[in-house]
Amino acid sequence: MDLNIIVLAGTIAAEPELRSFDSGSTLLRGLVTVRSTEPRKRLDVIPFSLWDPKEHLLTDTLHAGTPVWIRGSIQRRFWSADDGRRSRIEVVAHEVSLRSLDESSGTTPDRGVKLESV
C-alpha cells in the first residue's frame, strides 16, 4: 500500500497569493518555513497550495510570520518553459490551520491538527 500524507508545523514565509478563476474556484499559494535541528540545524522553505480555502483564511488571517499547521500530500508539478521542461515539488494542502502561540513554541504538539484514519 502506498501512502502520501504530510503534516507540517511551520511559519508562513511571505504574503500568500490568492487567485480566483472563472469557474468560481480560488487557489491560495504560499511558502511555509520549517525549522529542523535533526540531523543538523536547517531551515526549509516549502511551497504549498490550497484549493478553495475556508473563508476565515481569506480574511487577513495568513501573513508572513503566522504560525500554521499544514496537512496534505506531496506532488511534483511539471510544465514547459522557454528553456525546457521544468518541475517543482509542493505540498497540496487539504487543510491549513492556525497554531496558537503555545503550539508554535512546541509546548503542546498534540493540538491543532486532527489526523483521520485512512
N, C-alpha and C. Protein backbone atom coordinates (compact mmCIF):
# COMPACT_ATOMS: atom_id res chain seq x y z
N MET A 1 0.84 -1.17 0.00
CA MET A 1 0.00 0.00 0.00
C MET A 1 0.89 1.24 0.00
N ASP A 2 0.58 2.19 -0.84
CA ASP A 2 1.30 3.46 -0.89
C ASP A 2 0.55 4.48 -0.03
N LEU A 3 1.28 5.44 0.50
CA LEU A 3 0.68 6.45 1.35
C LEU A 3 1.42 7.77 1.14
N ASN A 4 0.70 8.84 0.91
CA ASN A 4 1.29 10.15 0.69
C ASN A 4 0.58 11.15 1.59
N ILE A 5 1.06 11.28 2.82
CA ILE A 5 0.48 12.21 3.80
C ILE A 5 1.64 12.99 4.41
N ILE A 6 1.44 14.30 4.52
CA ILE A 6 2.45 15.14 5.16
C ILE A 6 1.75 16.10 6.11
N VAL A 7 2.36 16.32 7.26
CA VAL A 7 1.89 17.31 8.22
C VAL A 7 3.07 18.19 8.56
N LEU A 8 2.91 19.49 8.37
CA LEU A 8 3.97 20.45 8.66
C LEU A 8 3.51 21.41 9.74
N ALA A 9 4.40 21.73 10.64
CA ALA A 9 4.19 22.80 11.61
C ALA A 9 5.27 23.82 11.30
N GLY A 10 4.86 24.99 10.80
CA GLY A 10 5.84 25.98 10.40
C GLY A 10 5.27 27.38 10.48
N THR A 11 5.90 28.27 9.73
CA THR A 11 5.54 29.68 9.73
C THR A 11 5.40 30.15 8.29
N ILE A 12 4.37 30.94 8.00
CA ILE A 12 4.20 31.48 6.66
C ILE A 12 5.41 32.38 6.37
N ALA A 13 6.07 32.13 5.22
CA ALA A 13 7.32 32.82 4.91
C ALA A 13 7.11 34.18 4.26
N ALA A 14 6.07 34.33 3.47
CA ALA A 14 5.80 35.58 2.75
C ALA A 14 4.29 35.68 2.55
N GLU A 15 3.84 36.84 2.13
CA GLU A 15 2.41 37.03 1.91
C GLU A 15 1.91 36.03 0.87
N PRO A 16 0.91 35.19 1.20
CA PRO A 16 0.39 34.23 0.24
C PRO A 16 -0.32 34.93 -0.92
N GLU A 17 -0.39 34.23 -2.04
CA GLU A 17 -1.06 34.73 -3.24
C GLU A 17 -2.42 34.05 -3.35
N LEU A 18 -3.44 34.82 -3.64
CA LEU A 18 -4.79 34.28 -3.83
C LEU A 18 -5.21 34.56 -5.26
N ARG A 19 -5.58 33.49 -5.98
CA ARG A 19 -6.03 33.62 -7.36
C ARG A 19 -7.47 33.14 -7.46
N SER A 20 -8.27 33.86 -8.23
CA SER A 20 -9.65 33.46 -8.48
C SER A 20 -9.78 33.09 -9.94
N PHE A 21 -10.62 32.09 -10.21
CA PHE A 21 -10.80 31.60 -11.56
C PHE A 21 -12.25 31.80 -12.01
N ASP A 22 -12.47 31.80 -13.32
CA ASP A 22 -13.81 31.98 -13.87
C ASP A 22 -14.78 30.91 -13.38
N SER A 23 -14.26 29.75 -13.04
CA SER A 23 -15.10 28.64 -12.56
C SER A 23 -15.68 28.92 -11.17
N GLY A 24 -15.13 29.94 -10.48
CA GLY A 24 -15.55 30.23 -9.12
C GLY A 24 -14.60 29.67 -8.08
N SER A 25 -13.64 28.86 -8.50
CA SER A 25 -12.65 28.30 -7.57
C SER A 25 -11.60 29.34 -7.23
N THR A 26 -11.00 29.17 -6.06
CA THR A 26 -9.89 30.02 -5.66
C THR A 26 -8.70 29.14 -5.29
N LEU A 27 -7.53 29.69 -5.48
CA LEU A 27 -6.30 28.98 -5.17
C LEU A 27 -5.43 29.87 -4.30
N LEU A 28 -5.06 29.36 -3.13
CA LEU A 28 -4.16 30.04 -2.23
C LEU A 28 -2.80 29.37 -2.35
N ARG A 29 -1.77 30.14 -2.69
CA ARG A 29 -0.42 29.60 -2.82
C ARG A 29 0.51 30.38 -1.91
N GLY A 30 1.43 29.68 -1.28
CA GLY A 30 2.35 30.35 -0.40
C GLY A 30 3.57 29.51 -0.10
N LEU A 31 4.38 30.02 0.81
CA LEU A 31 5.58 29.34 1.26
C LEU A 31 5.52 29.21 2.78
N VAL A 32 5.91 28.06 3.29
CA VAL A 32 5.98 27.85 4.73
C VAL A 32 7.43 27.49 5.08
N THR A 33 7.93 28.08 6.16
CA THR A 33 9.27 27.74 6.63
C THR A 33 9.14 26.75 7.78
N VAL A 34 10.02 25.76 7.75
CA VAL A 34 10.03 24.72 8.78
C VAL A 34 11.46 24.60 9.29
N ARG A 35 11.62 24.80 10.59
CA ARG A 35 12.95 24.71 11.21
C ARG A 35 13.18 23.29 11.75
N SER A 36 14.37 22.78 11.52
CA SER A 36 14.75 21.45 11.99
C SER A 36 16.09 21.53 12.71
N THR A 37 16.28 20.62 13.65
CA THR A 37 17.58 20.52 14.31
C THR A 37 18.22 19.17 14.08
N GLU A 38 17.46 18.20 13.57
CA GLU A 38 17.99 16.86 13.32
C GLU A 38 17.91 16.57 11.83
N PRO A 39 18.89 16.00 11.20
CA PRO A 39 20.18 15.59 11.76
C PRO A 39 21.12 16.78 11.95
N ARG A 40 20.76 17.95 11.40
CA ARG A 40 21.55 19.17 11.63
C ARG A 40 20.60 20.35 11.58
N LYS A 41 21.05 21.47 12.10
CA LYS A 41 20.22 22.67 12.13
C LYS A 41 20.01 23.18 10.70
N ARG A 42 18.73 23.42 10.33
CA ARG A 42 18.43 23.92 8.99
C ARG A 42 17.06 24.58 8.95
N LEU A 43 16.82 25.31 7.88
CA LEU A 43 15.55 25.98 7.65
C LEU A 43 15.12 25.65 6.23
N ASP A 44 13.99 24.96 6.10
CA ASP A 44 13.46 24.62 4.78
C ASP A 44 12.31 25.56 4.44
N VAL A 45 12.25 25.99 3.20
CA VAL A 45 11.14 26.80 2.69
C VAL A 45 10.40 25.94 1.69
N ILE A 46 9.14 25.64 2.00
CA ILE A 46 8.37 24.65 1.25
C ILE A 46 7.14 25.32 0.63
N PRO A 47 6.97 25.21 -0.69
CA PRO A 47 5.78 25.77 -1.32
C PRO A 47 4.55 24.92 -1.02
N PHE A 48 3.39 25.59 -0.87
CA PHE A 48 2.13 24.87 -0.68
C PHE A 48 1.04 25.55 -1.48
N SER A 49 0.00 24.78 -1.79
CA SER A 49 -1.18 25.32 -2.45
C SER A 49 -2.41 24.73 -1.77
N LEU A 50 -3.48 25.53 -1.74
CA LEU A 50 -4.73 25.10 -1.13
C LEU A 50 -5.88 25.59 -2.01
N TRP A 51 -6.65 24.64 -2.56
CA TRP A 51 -7.80 25.00 -3.39
C TRP A 51 -8.98 25.33 -2.50
N ASP A 52 -9.70 26.36 -2.87
CA ASP A 52 -10.93 26.79 -2.20
C ASP A 52 -10.77 26.85 -0.68
N PRO A 53 -9.88 27.73 -0.22
CA PRO A 53 -9.65 27.83 1.23
C PRO A 53 -10.91 28.31 1.96
N LYS A 54 -10.99 27.92 3.23
CA LYS A 54 -12.12 28.36 4.06
C LYS A 54 -12.08 29.87 4.23
N GLU A 55 -13.25 30.45 4.42
CA GLU A 55 -13.40 31.90 4.47
C GLU A 55 -12.50 32.55 5.53
N HIS A 56 -12.33 31.91 6.68
CA HIS A 56 -11.53 32.54 7.74
C HIS A 56 -10.06 32.70 7.34
N LEU A 57 -9.58 31.90 6.39
CA LEU A 57 -8.19 32.06 5.93
C LEU A 57 -8.05 33.23 4.96
N LEU A 58 -9.16 33.66 4.39
CA LEU A 58 -9.11 34.73 3.39
C LEU A 58 -9.28 36.11 3.99
N THR A 59 -9.63 36.19 5.25
CA THR A 59 -9.92 37.49 5.86
C THR A 59 -8.73 37.96 6.69
N ASP A 60 -7.66 38.28 6.02
CA ASP A 60 -6.47 38.85 6.66
C ASP A 60 -5.90 37.97 7.77
N THR A 61 -6.00 36.67 7.64
CA THR A 61 -5.51 35.76 8.67
C THR A 61 -4.06 35.32 8.40
N LEU A 62 -3.76 34.97 7.16
CA LEU A 62 -2.43 34.45 6.83
C LEU A 62 -1.52 35.56 6.34
N HIS A 63 -0.49 35.83 7.11
CA HIS A 63 0.52 36.82 6.76
C HIS A 63 1.90 36.22 7.01
N ALA A 64 2.91 36.86 6.50
CA ALA A 64 4.27 36.44 6.80
C ALA A 64 4.45 36.41 8.32
N GLY A 65 4.98 35.30 8.83
CA GLY A 65 5.21 35.17 10.26
C GLY A 65 4.10 34.44 11.01
N THR A 66 2.97 34.15 10.35
CA THR A 66 1.87 33.45 11.00
C THR A 66 2.23 31.97 11.20
N PRO A 67 2.17 31.46 12.44
CA PRO A 67 2.43 30.03 12.67
C PRO A 67 1.23 29.19 12.23
N VAL A 68 1.50 28.12 11.46
CA VAL A 68 0.42 27.31 10.89
C VAL A 68 0.74 25.82 10.96
N TRP A 69 -0.33 25.04 10.86
CA TRP A 69 -0.27 23.60 10.59
C TRP A 69 -0.72 23.45 9.14
N ILE A 70 -0.05 22.61 8.38
CA ILE A 70 -0.49 22.29 7.02
C ILE A 70 -0.54 20.78 6.91
N ARG A 71 -1.70 20.28 6.49
CA ARG A 71 -1.89 18.84 6.28
C ARG A 71 -2.23 18.63 4.81
N GLY A 72 -1.54 17.70 4.16
CA GLY A 72 -1.81 17.46 2.75
C GLY A 72 -0.97 16.33 2.21
N SER A 73 -0.62 16.45 0.93
CA SER A 73 0.20 15.44 0.26
C SER A 73 1.24 16.15 -0.60
N ILE A 74 2.29 15.44 -0.93
CA ILE A 74 3.35 15.99 -1.76
C ILE A 74 3.07 15.62 -3.21
N GLN A 75 3.21 16.61 -4.09
CA GLN A 75 3.05 16.37 -5.53
C GLN A 75 4.16 17.07 -6.29
N ARG A 76 4.55 16.48 -7.39
CA ARG A 76 5.54 17.09 -8.27
C ARG A 76 4.80 17.63 -9.48
N ARG A 77 4.95 18.91 -9.74
CA ARG A 77 4.29 19.60 -10.85
C ARG A 77 5.28 19.74 -12.01
N PHE A 78 4.81 19.54 -13.24
CA PHE A 78 5.63 19.68 -14.44
C PHE A 78 5.02 20.74 -15.34
N TRP A 79 5.87 21.49 -16.04
CA TRP A 79 5.39 22.44 -17.04
C TRP A 79 6.52 22.70 -18.04
N SER A 80 6.13 23.25 -19.17
CA SER A 80 7.10 23.60 -20.20
C SER A 80 7.43 25.08 -20.11
N ALA A 81 8.70 25.40 -20.21
CA ALA A 81 9.17 26.78 -20.20
C ALA A 81 10.02 27.00 -21.44
N ASP A 82 10.37 28.25 -21.69
CA ASP A 82 11.18 28.56 -22.87
C ASP A 82 12.50 27.81 -22.86
N ASP A 83 13.05 27.55 -21.67
CA ASP A 83 14.33 26.86 -21.57
C ASP A 83 14.19 25.35 -21.36
N GLY A 84 13.00 24.81 -21.57
CA GLY A 84 12.80 23.37 -21.46
C GLY A 84 11.76 22.99 -20.43
N ARG A 85 11.70 21.71 -20.16
CA ARG A 85 10.73 21.17 -19.20
C ARG A 85 11.20 21.46 -17.78
N ARG A 86 10.29 21.91 -16.93
CA ARG A 86 10.62 22.27 -15.55
C ARG A 86 9.71 21.50 -14.60
N SER A 87 10.12 21.42 -13.34
CA SER A 87 9.29 20.78 -12.32
C SER A 87 9.60 21.37 -10.96
N ARG A 88 8.68 21.15 -10.04
CA ARG A 88 8.90 21.54 -8.64
C ARG A 88 8.02 20.65 -7.77
N ILE A 89 8.48 20.45 -6.56
CA ILE A 89 7.72 19.68 -5.59
C ILE A 89 7.02 20.66 -4.66
N GLU A 90 5.75 20.40 -4.37
CA GLU A 90 4.99 21.25 -3.47
C GLU A 90 4.03 20.41 -2.64
N VAL A 91 3.57 21.00 -1.56
CA VAL A 91 2.55 20.36 -0.73
C VAL A 91 1.19 20.84 -1.22
N VAL A 92 0.35 19.91 -1.61
CA VAL A 92 -1.03 20.23 -1.94
C VAL A 92 -1.80 20.05 -0.64
N ALA A 93 -2.17 21.18 -0.05
CA ALA A 93 -2.79 21.16 1.28
C ALA A 93 -4.24 20.73 1.20
N HIS A 94 -4.63 19.93 2.16
CA HIS A 94 -6.04 19.58 2.35
C HIS A 94 -6.62 20.43 3.47
N GLU A 95 -5.72 20.92 4.33
CA GLU A 95 -6.14 21.76 5.45
C GLU A 95 -4.98 22.65 5.89
N VAL A 96 -5.29 23.92 6.13
CA VAL A 96 -4.34 24.85 6.71
C VAL A 96 -5.03 25.45 7.93
N SER A 97 -4.39 25.37 9.08
CA SER A 97 -4.99 25.94 10.29
C SER A 97 -3.94 26.69 11.08
N LEU A 98 -4.40 27.64 11.85
CA LEU A 98 -3.50 28.46 12.65
C LEU A 98 -3.03 27.69 13.87
N ARG A 99 -1.78 27.92 14.26
CA ARG A 99 -1.26 27.36 15.51
C ARG A 99 -1.31 28.45 16.55
N SER A 100 -1.60 28.07 17.79
CA SER A 100 -1.57 29.05 18.87
C SER A 100 -0.13 29.36 19.24
N LEU A 101 0.08 30.38 20.02
CA LEU A 101 1.43 30.72 20.45
C LEU A 101 2.07 29.59 21.23
N ASP A 102 1.29 28.89 22.06
CA ASP A 102 1.82 27.75 22.81
C ASP A 102 2.30 26.66 21.86
N GLU A 103 1.51 26.39 20.81
CA GLU A 103 1.89 25.35 19.85
C GLU A 103 3.13 25.74 19.08
N SER A 104 3.27 27.02 18.72
CA SER A 104 4.45 27.41 17.94
C SER A 104 5.72 27.31 18.76
N SER A 105 5.60 27.34 20.08
CA SER A 105 6.79 27.17 20.92
C SER A 105 7.09 25.70 21.19
N GLY A 106 6.17 24.83 20.78
CA GLY A 106 6.40 23.41 20.93
C GLY A 106 5.92 22.83 22.24
N THR A 107 5.19 23.60 23.05
CA THR A 107 4.80 23.09 24.35
C THR A 107 3.55 22.22 24.30
N THR A 108 2.76 22.32 23.22
CA THR A 108 1.57 21.49 23.10
C THR A 108 1.49 20.91 21.69
N PRO A 109 2.39 19.98 21.35
CA PRO A 109 2.44 19.48 19.98
C PRO A 109 1.26 18.61 19.59
N ASP A 110 0.44 18.19 20.54
CA ASP A 110 -0.66 17.29 20.21
C ASP A 110 -1.94 18.02 19.83
N ARG A 111 -1.93 19.35 19.81
CA ARG A 111 -3.12 20.11 19.45
C ARG A 111 -2.96 20.74 18.09
N GLY A 112 -4.08 21.06 17.43
CA GLY A 112 -4.03 21.83 16.20
C GLY A 112 -4.33 21.05 14.96
N VAL A 113 -3.91 19.81 14.84
CA VAL A 113 -4.18 19.03 13.65
C VAL A 113 -4.83 17.72 14.06
N LYS A 114 -5.94 17.43 13.45
CA LYS A 114 -6.63 16.18 13.72
C LYS A 114 -6.42 15.27 12.52
N LEU A 115 -5.71 14.18 12.70
CA LEU A 115 -5.50 13.24 11.62
C LEU A 115 -6.59 12.19 11.67
N GLU A 116 -7.16 11.91 10.51
CA GLU A 116 -8.23 10.92 10.43
C GLU A 116 -7.65 9.59 9.95
N SER A 117 -8.30 8.52 10.30
CA SER A 117 -7.84 7.20 9.84
C SER A 117 -8.00 7.09 8.34
N VAL A 118 -7.04 6.40 7.74
CA VAL A 118 -7.07 6.21 6.28
C VAL A 118 -7.63 4.85 5.98
